[in-house]
Amino acid sequence: MVVIPQMQKYKDDQRDQWQSRSHRAEWARMLRHVRKMARDDRQNLTMISGEIQLETRAAMDLKVGFRVDQLVASGIAHPP
């Protein structure tokens, strides 16, 4: 980001990512909490979230036979 000045405008977007260093501990804590919820309730868990630029699906299989799914939807209110 420092070497190419035009890329600095994306610095804040990079920090907003769950997996960035500034959020890594919080991200791990949330994953532990979600995993515990699925285990304690003995059921699959689906999380729904949003992101402006993409949509995706992720799955985390738990050792106890349950799964956590995440569905990320792109904003539909924005024109293409």
Protein backbone atom coordinates (compact mmCIF):
# COMPACT_ATOMS: atom_id res chain seq x y z
CA MET A 1 0.00 0.00 0.00
CA VAL A 2 2.90 2.36 0.68
CA VAL A 3 4.80 1.54 -2.51
CA ILE A 4 1.84 2.27 -4.82
CA PRO A 5 0.11 5.45 -3.58
CA GLN A 6 -3.06 4.78 -5.63
CA MET A 7 -3.65 1.61 -3.57
CA GLN A 8 -3.81 3.54 -0.29
CA LYS A 9 -7.50 4.24 -0.85
CA TYR A 10 -8.10 0.49 -0.23
CA LYS A 11 -6.24 0.42 3.09
CA ASP A 12 -9.41 0.89 5.14
CA ASP A 13 -11.18 -1.89 3.19
CA GLN A 14 -8.32 -4.26 3.99
CA ARG A 15 -8.56 -3.47 7.70
CA ASP A 16 -12.29 -4.18 7.66
CA GLN A 17 -11.75 -7.81 6.69
CA TRP A 18 -12.32 -10.31 9.49
CA GLN A 19 -9.04 -12.03 8.75
CA SER A 20 -6.92 -8.89 8.92
CA ARG A 21 -4.36 -8.78 11.70
CA SER A 22 -6.29 -6.06 13.49
CA HIS A 23 -9.34 -8.36 13.83
CA ARG A 24 -7.71 -11.80 14.03
CA ALA A 25 -8.36 -12.39 17.75
CA GLU A 26 -11.96 -11.22 17.45
CA TRP A 27 -12.49 -13.40 14.36
CA ALA A 28 -11.14 -16.51 16.14
CA ARG A 29 -13.28 -15.76 19.21
CA MET A 30 -16.40 -15.45 17.05
CA LEU A 31 -15.68 -18.74 15.25
CA ARG A 32 -15.26 -20.49 18.62
CA HIS A 33 -18.57 -19.01 19.80
CA VAL A 34 -20.42 -20.06 16.63
CA ARG A 35 -18.95 -23.56 16.84
CA LYS A 36 -20.02 -23.81 20.48
CA MET A 37 -23.56 -22.68 19.61
CA ALA A 38 -23.91 -25.43 17.00
CA ARG A 39 -22.52 -28.07 19.36
CA ASP A 40 -24.59 -26.98 22.38
CA ASP A 41 -27.81 -26.84 20.35
CA ARG A 42 -26.84 -30.04 18.51
CA GLN A 43 -27.85 -28.68 15.14
CA ASN A 44 -26.49 -27.11 11.97
CA LEU A 45 -26.17 -23.35 11.97
CA THR A 46 -26.51 -20.92 9.05
CA MET A 47 -25.18 -17.38 9.18
CA ILE A 48 -26.29 -14.76 6.68
CA SER A 49 -24.24 -11.64 6.01
CA GLY A 50 -23.70 -9.03 3.34
CA GLU A 51 -20.86 -7.53 1.36
CA ILE A 52 -21.03 -4.83 -1.28
CA GLN A 53 -18.66 -6.37 -3.83
CA LEU A 54 -19.26 -10.12 -3.79
CA GLU A 55 -21.38 -13.04 -2.78
CA THR A 56 -20.15 -16.42 -1.59
CA ARG A 57 -20.91 -19.49 0.48
CA ALA A 58 -18.68 -21.16 3.03
CA ALA A 59 -19.05 -24.29 5.15
CA MET A 60 -17.26 -25.34 8.32
CA ASP A 61 -17.71 -29.01 9.21
CA LEU A 62 -17.64 -29.72 12.93
CA LYS A 63 -16.19 -32.93 14.33
CA VAL A 64 -19.46 -33.77 16.08
CA GLY A 65 -21.34 -34.20 12.79
CA PHE A 66 -22.82 -30.75 12.46
CA ARG A 67 -21.95 -27.95 10.07
CA VAL A 68 -21.86 -24.16 10.09
CA ASP A 69 -22.77 -22.53 6.76
CA GLN A 70 -22.22 -18.89 5.90
CA LEU A 71 -24.09 -17.20 3.07
CA VAL A 72 -22.81 -13.80 1.95
CA ALA A 73 -25.09 -11.77 -0.30
CA SER A 74 -24.09 -8.86 -2.46
CA GLY A 75 -26.15 -5.70 -2.06
CA ILE A 76 -29.10 -5.83 -4.44
CA ALA A 77 -30.07 -2.20 -3.99
CA HIS A 78 -27.05 -0.94 -5.90
CA PRO A 79 -27.25 -0.57 -9.68
CA PRO A 80 -24.75 -2.74 -11.62
